[in-house]
C-alpha atoms as a PDB file:
ATOM      1  CA  MET A   1    -228.757  67.294 -50.668  1.00  0.00           C
ATOM      2  CA  ASN A   2    -231.130  66.078 -48.161  1.00  0.00           C
ATOM      3  CA  GLN A   3    -231.804  68.627 -45.508  1.00  0.00           C
ATOM      4  CA  ARG A   4    -231.939  65.982 -42.758  1.00  0.00           C
ATOM      5  CA  PHE A   5    -228.478  64.827 -43.928  1.00  0.00           C
ATOM      6  CA  VAL A   6    -227.122  68.392 -43.651  1.00  0.00           C
ATOM      7  CA  LYS A   7    -228.522  68.788 -40.284  1.00  0.00           C
ATOM      8  CA  GLY A   8    -226.924  65.541 -39.242  1.00  0.00           C
ATOM      9  CA  VAL A   9    -223.516  66.404 -40.370  1.00  0.00           C
ATOM     10  CA  THR A  10    -223.809  69.705 -39.014  1.00  0.00           C
ATOM     11  CA  ALA A  11    -224.839  68.529 -35.461  1.00  0.00           C
ATOM     12  CA  VAL A  12    -221.807  66.069 -35.563  1.00  0.00           C
ATOM     13  CA  VAL A  13    -219.349  68.554 -36.466  1.00  0.00           C
ATOM     14  CA  VAL A  14    -220.506  71.174 -34.009  1.00  0.00           C
ATOM     15  CA  GLY A  15    -220.686  68.553 -31.394  1.00  0.00           C
ATOM     16  CA  MET A  16    -217.108  67.594 -32.006  1.00  0.00           C
ATOM     17  CA  ALA A  17    -216.011  71.225 -32.169  1.00  0.00           C
ATOM     18  CA  LEU A  18    -217.972  71.598 -28.706  1.00  0.00           C
ATOM     19  CA  ASN A  19    -216.191  68.545 -27.229  1.00  0.00           C
ATOM     20  CA  TYR A  20    -212.922  69.571 -28.488  1.00  0.00           C
ATOM     21  CA  LEU A  21    -213.127  73.070 -26.992  1.00  0.00           C
ATOM     22  CA  GLY A  22    -214.408  71.497 -23.622  1.00  0.00           C
ATOM     23  CA  ASP A  23    -211.174  69.357 -23.604  1.00  0.00           C
ATOM     24  CA  LYS A  24    -208.928  72.204 -24.251  1.00  0.00           C
ATOM     25  CA  LEU A  25    -210.613  74.509 -21.639  1.00  0.00           C
ATOM     26  CA  LEU A  26    -210.396  71.939 -19.084  1.00  0.00           C
ATOM     27  CA  GLY A  27    -206.957  70.867 -20.006  1.00  0.00           C
ATOM     28  CA  VAL A  28    -207.664  67.144 -19.709  1.00  0.00           C
ATOM     29  CA  ARG A  29    -206.271  64.535 -21.921  1.00  0.00           C
ATOM     30  CA  ILE A  30    -208.526  61.427 -21.362  1.00  0.00           C
ATOM     31  CA  GLU A  31    -206.390  59.333 -23.585  1.00  0.00           C
ATOM     32  CA  THR A  32    -203.379  59.409 -21.304  1.00  0.00           C
ATOM     33  CA  PHE A  33    -203.451  57.398 -18.003  1.00  0.00           C
ATOM     34  CA  SER A  34    -201.053  58.147 -15.220  1.00  0.00           C
ATOM     35  CA  GLY A  35    -202.567  56.277 -12.508  1.00  0.00           C
ATOM     36  CA  ILE A  36    -204.742  57.342  -9.660  1.00  0.00           C
ATOM     37  CA  THR A  37    -203.873  60.848 -10.275  1.00  0.00           C
ATOM     38  CA  THR A  38    -205.769  60.670 -13.597  1.00  0.00           C
ATOM     39  CA  PHE A  39    -209.039  61.132 -11.969  1.00  0.00           C
ATOM     40  CA  THR A  40    -209.451  64.546 -11.153  1.00  0.00           C
ATOM     41  CA  PHE A  41    -212.561  66.781 -10.948  1.00  0.00           C
ATOM     42  CA  ALA A  42    -211.578  68.206 -14.337  1.00  0.00           C
ATOM     43  CA  TRP A  43    -211.415  64.512 -15.665  1.00  0.00           C
ATOM     44  CA  MET A  44    -214.885  64.021 -14.487  1.00  0.00           C
ATOM     45  CA  LEU A  45    -216.274  67.027 -15.804  1.00  0.00           C
ATOM     46  CA  ASP A  46    -214.637  66.153 -19.362  1.00  0.00           C
ATOM     47  CA  VAL A  47    -215.936  62.731 -19.385  1.00  0.00           C
ATOM     48  CA  PHE A  48    -219.297  63.441 -18.014  1.00  0.00           C
ATOM     49  CA  LEU A  49    -220.544  66.898 -18.261  1.00  0.00           C
ATOM     50  CA  VAL A  50    -218.859  68.003 -21.649  1.00  0.00           C
ATOM     51  CA  PRO A  51    -220.330  65.112 -23.752  1.00  0.00           C
ATOM     52  CA  PHE A  52    -223.696  65.532 -21.766  1.00  0.00           C
ATOM     53  CA  VAL A  53    -223.705  69.449 -23.360  1.00  0.00           C
ATOM     54  CA  VAL A  54    -222.538  67.899 -26.664  1.00  0.00           C
ATOM     55  CA  GLY A  55    -225.724  65.629 -26.555  1.00  0.00           C
ATOM     56  CA  LEU A  56    -227.953  68.585 -26.006  1.00  0.00           C
ATOM     57  CA  VAL A  57    -226.647  70.603 -28.634  1.00  0.00           C
ATOM     58  CA  VAL A  58    -226.933  67.590 -31.173  1.00  0.00           C
ATOM     59  CA  ALA A  59    -230.404  67.178 -30.206  1.00  0.00           C
ATOM     60  CA  TRP A  60    -231.252  71.045 -30.481  1.00  0.00           C
ATOM     61  CA  ILE A  61    -229.627  70.817 -34.101  1.00  0.00           C
ATOM     62  CA  PHE A  62    -230.840  67.529 -35.259  1.00  0.00           C
ATOM     63  CA  GLY A  63    -234.227  67.201 -33.447  1.00  0.00           C
ATOM     64  CA  LYS A  64    -235.966  63.824 -33.395  1.00  0.00           C
ATOM     65  CA  HIS A  65    -233.684  60.916 -33.210  1.00  0.00           C
ATOM     66  CA  ALA A  66    -230.725  62.827 -32.211  1.00  0.00           C
ATOM     67  CA  LYS A  67    -230.079  60.303 -29.236  1.00  0.00           C
ATOM     68  CA  TRP A  68    -228.341  57.948 -32.047  1.00  0.00           C
ATOM     69  CA  LEU A  69    -226.503  60.848 -33.636  1.00  0.00           C
ATOM     70  CA  ALA A  70    -225.155  62.159 -30.382  1.00  0.00           C
ATOM     71  CA  CYS A  71    -223.014  59.020 -29.959  1.00  0.00           C
ATOM     72  CA  LEU A  72    -221.047  60.166 -32.842  1.00  0.00           C
ATOM     73  CA  PRO A  73    -218.824  63.151 -31.770  1.00  0.00           C
ATOM     74  CA  PRO A  74    -217.717  61.780 -28.444  1.00  0.00           C
ATOM     75  CA  LEU A  75    -216.735  58.602 -30.455  1.00  0.00           C
ATOM     76  CA  PHE A  76    -215.110  60.207 -33.468  1.00  0.00           C
ATOM     77  CA  LEU A  77    -213.128  62.772 -31.192  1.00  0.00           C
ATOM     78  CA  ARG A  78    -211.794  60.063 -28.730  1.00  0.00           C
ATOM     79  CA  CYS A  79    -210.758  57.930 -31.977  1.00  0.00           C
ATOM     80  CA  ILE A  80    -208.947  60.693 -33.503  1.00  0.00           C
ATOM     81  CA  PHE A  81    -207.337  61.878 -30.340  1.00  0.00           C
ATOM     82  CA  TYR A  82    -206.150  58.175 -29.483  1.00  0.00           C
ATOM     83  CA  VAL A  83    -204.646  57.959 -32.922  1.00  0.00           C
ATOM     84  CA  TYR A  84    -203.015  61.660 -32.695  1.00  0.00           C
ATOM     85  CA  VAL A  85    -201.635  60.658 -29.227  1.00  0.00           C
ATOM     86  CA  SER A  86    -200.381  57.291 -30.506  1.00  0.00           C
ATOM     87  CA  LEU A  87    -198.822  58.615 -33.753  1.00  0.00           C
ATOM     88  CA  TYR A  88    -197.444  62.049 -33.045  1.00  0.00           C
ATOM     89  CA  ASP A  89    -197.515  62.605 -29.111  1.00  0.00           C
ATOM     90  CA  ASN A  90    -195.995  59.460 -28.021  1.00  0.00           C
ATOM     91  CA  PRO A  91    -193.235  60.413 -25.540  1.00  0.00           C
ATOM     92  CA  HIS A  92    -191.639  57.169 -25.870  1.00  0.00           C
ATOM     93  CA  PRO A  93    -191.447  56.084 -29.599  1.00  0.00           C
ATOM     94  CA  TYR A  94    -189.674  53.002 -29.213  1.00  0.00           C
ATOM     95  CA  VAL A  95    -192.153  51.491 -26.559  1.00  0.00           C
ATOM     96  CA  ASP A  96    -195.304  49.828 -27.605  1.00  0.00           C
ATOM     97  CA  PHE A  97    -198.112  52.490 -27.112  1.00  0.00           C
ATOM     98  CA  PHE A  98    -200.532  49.933 -25.658  1.00  0.00           C
ATOM     99  CA  PHE A  99    -198.560  49.929 -22.476  1.00  0.00           C
ATOM    100  CA  GLU A 100    -198.834  53.709 -22.506  1.00  0.00           C
ATOM    101  CA  ILE A 101    -202.455  53.834 -22.921  1.00  0.00           C
ATOM    102  CA  PRO A 102    -204.135  50.739 -21.967  1.00  0.00           C
ATOM    103  CA  LEU A 103    -207.009  49.719 -24.515  1.00  0.00           C
ATOM    104  CA  GLY A 104    -209.125  48.907 -21.583  1.00  0.00           C
ATOM    105  CA  TYR A 105    -208.985  52.091 -20.174  1.00  0.00           C
ATOM    106  CA  TRP A 106    -209.555  53.947 -23.282  1.00  0.00           C
ATOM    107  CA  GLY A 107    -212.406  51.980 -24.326  1.00  0.00           C
ATOM    108  CA  LEU A 108    -214.012  52.497 -20.821  1.00  0.00           C
ATOM    109  CA  CYS A 109    -213.642  56.207 -21.311  1.00  0.00           C
ATOM    110  CA  VAL A 110    -215.095  56.260 -24.647  1.00  0.00           C
ATOM    111  CA  ILE A 111    -218.201  54.095 -23.651  1.00  0.00           C
ATOM    112  CA  LEU A 112    -218.690  56.590 -20.536  1.00  0.00           C
ATOM    113  CA  ALA A 113    -218.313  59.625 -22.747  1.00  0.00           C
ATOM    114  CA  VAL A 114    -220.662  58.206 -25.569  1.00  0.00           C
ATOM    115  CA  GLU A 115    -223.422  57.211 -22.971  1.00  0.00           C
ATOM    116  CA  SER A 116    -223.193  60.506 -21.262  1.00  0.00           C
ATOM    117  CA  ALA A 117    -223.716  62.109 -24.614  1.00  0.00           C
ATOM    118  CA  ASN A 118    -226.643  59.811 -25.365  1.00  0.00           C
ATOM    119  CA  ILE A 119    -228.327  60.924 -22.018  1.00  0.00           C
ATOM    120  CA  GLY A 120    -227.926  64.471 -22.989  1.00  0.00           C
ATOM    121  CA  ALA A 121    -229.615  63.986 -26.176  1.00  0.00           C
ATOM    122  CA  ILE A 122    -232.506  62.146 -24.827  1.00  0.00           C
ATOM    123  CA  LEU A 123    -232.979  64.959 -22.277  1.00  0.00           C
ATOM    124  CA  GLY A 124    -232.480  67.502 -25.335  1.00  0.00           C
ATOM    125  CA  GLU A 125    -235.275  65.790 -27.135  1.00  0.00           C
ATOM    126  CA  VAL A 126    -237.709  65.547 -24.201  1.00  0.00           C
ATOM    127  CA  MET A 127    -237.151  69.246 -23.374  1.00  0.00           C
ATOM    128  CA  MET A 128    -237.579  70.212 -27.039  1.00  0.00           C
ATOM    129  CA  GLY A 129    -241.077  68.232 -26.856  1.00  0.00           C
ATOM    130  CA  THR A 130    -239.970  65.892 -29.563  1.00  0.00           C
ATOM    131  CA  TYR A 131    -241.976  62.817 -27.853  1.00  0.00           C
ATOM    132  CA  GLY A 132    -244.888  64.812 -27.225  1.00  0.00           C
ATOM    133  CA  ARG A 133    -248.272  64.668 -28.883  1.00  0.00           C
ATOM    134  CA  LYS A 134    -250.698  67.230 -30.108  1.00  0.00           C
ATOM    135  CA  ASP A 135    -254.480  66.961 -29.495  1.00  0.00           C
ATOM    136  CA  GLY A 136    -255.051  66.130 -33.150  1.00  0.00           C
ATOM    137  CA  GLN A 137    -252.769  63.271 -32.988  1.00  0.00           C
ATOM    138  CA  LEU A 138    -254.820  61.451 -30.214  1.00  0.00           C
ATOM    139  CA  GLY A 139    -256.045  57.956 -30.986  1.00  0.00           C
ATOM    140  CA  GLU A 140    -259.272  56.661 -29.778  1.00  0.00           C
ATOM    141  CA  ARG A 141    -257.970  55.102 -26.654  1.00  0.00           C
ATOM    142  CA  ASP A 142    -256.110  58.495 -25.776  1.00  0.00           C
ATOM    143  CA  ALA A 143    -259.225  60.275 -26.730  1.00  0.00           C
ATOM    144  CA  ALA A 144    -261.304  58.332 -24.207  1.00  0.00           C
ATOM    145  CA  VAL A 145    -258.583  59.076 -21.372  1.00  0.00           C
ATOM    146  CA  VAL A 146    -258.874  62.716 -22.185  1.00  0.00           C
ATOM    147  CA  ALA A 147    -262.514  62.648 -22.154  1.00  0.00           C
ATOM    148  CA  SER A 148    -262.643  60.721 -18.736  1.00  0.00           C
ATOM    149  CA  ARG A 149    -260.568  63.426 -17.427  1.00  0.00           C
ATOM    150  CA  ARG A 150    -262.609  66.297 -18.746  1.00  0.00           C
ATOM    151  CA  GLY A 151    -265.778  64.649 -17.570  1.00  0.00           C
ATOM    152  CA  GLU A 152    -267.138  64.311 -21.141  1.00  0.00           C
ATOM    153  CA  LEU A 153    -267.635  60.440 -20.937  1.00  0.00           C
ATOM    154  CA  SER A 154    -271.492  59.533 -20.769  1.00  0.00           C
ATOM    155  CA  PHE A 155    -273.091  56.399 -21.364  1.00  0.00           C
ATOM    156  CA  GLY A 156    -270.667  54.525 -23.353  1.00  0.00           C
ATOM    157  CA  LYS A 157    -269.926  57.486 -25.677  1.00  0.00           C
ATOM    158  CA  ILE A 158    -266.715  58.996 -26.111  1.00  0.00           C
ATOM    159  CA  VAL A 159    -266.647  62.579 -27.017  1.00  0.00           C
ATOM    160  CA  ASN A 160    -263.311  63.932 -28.053  1.00  0.00           C
ATOM    161  CA  HIS A 161    -262.072  67.611 -27.753  1.00  0.00           C
ATOM    162  CA  LYS A 162    -263.835  68.545 -31.053  1.00  0.00           C
ATOM    163  CA  GLY A 163    -267.189  67.174 -30.019  1.00  0.00           C
ATOM    164  CA  VAL A 164    -267.095  64.143 -32.407  1.00  0.00           C
ATOM    165  CA  ASN A 165    -268.805  61.018 -30.758  1.00  0.00           C
ATOM    166  CA  HIS A 166    -266.812  57.767 -30.857  1.00  0.00           C
ATOM    167  CA  GLU A 167    -268.839  54.607 -30.051  1.00  0.00           C
END
């Protein structure tokens, strides 16, 4: 099996477990809407901070391009919770569940959680140095910039860090 695929599946599963753990520790059910009392400090932590940390963990496990993969754990978990609450945890089984949990509210919460995880993964990739370049990967124009900063540029010749002239 492809090692990258295994790392991706592992990152998504660990991210979902971490998000589930954060939900349980905070005691918040994002899927249920009870008016203005829904929006507490714990709700904000569960919508913004928990997925952000999930994104960081996914980036740490998966590496480059984790910003795309980090969207999956909150998305999958929110969908699973929505189905669970609608099928098994509905306090009024004879009432249309759309009136219990407005789909527009749920969609907004999913988008906020997914974007928060995405920002966490981008920051995680930057912290890991995924987008940094080594000196050996410098192109000619980049070598000219480095040479000009080092004072090695002289009379139209560009000397890179290895002493090779580029004309």
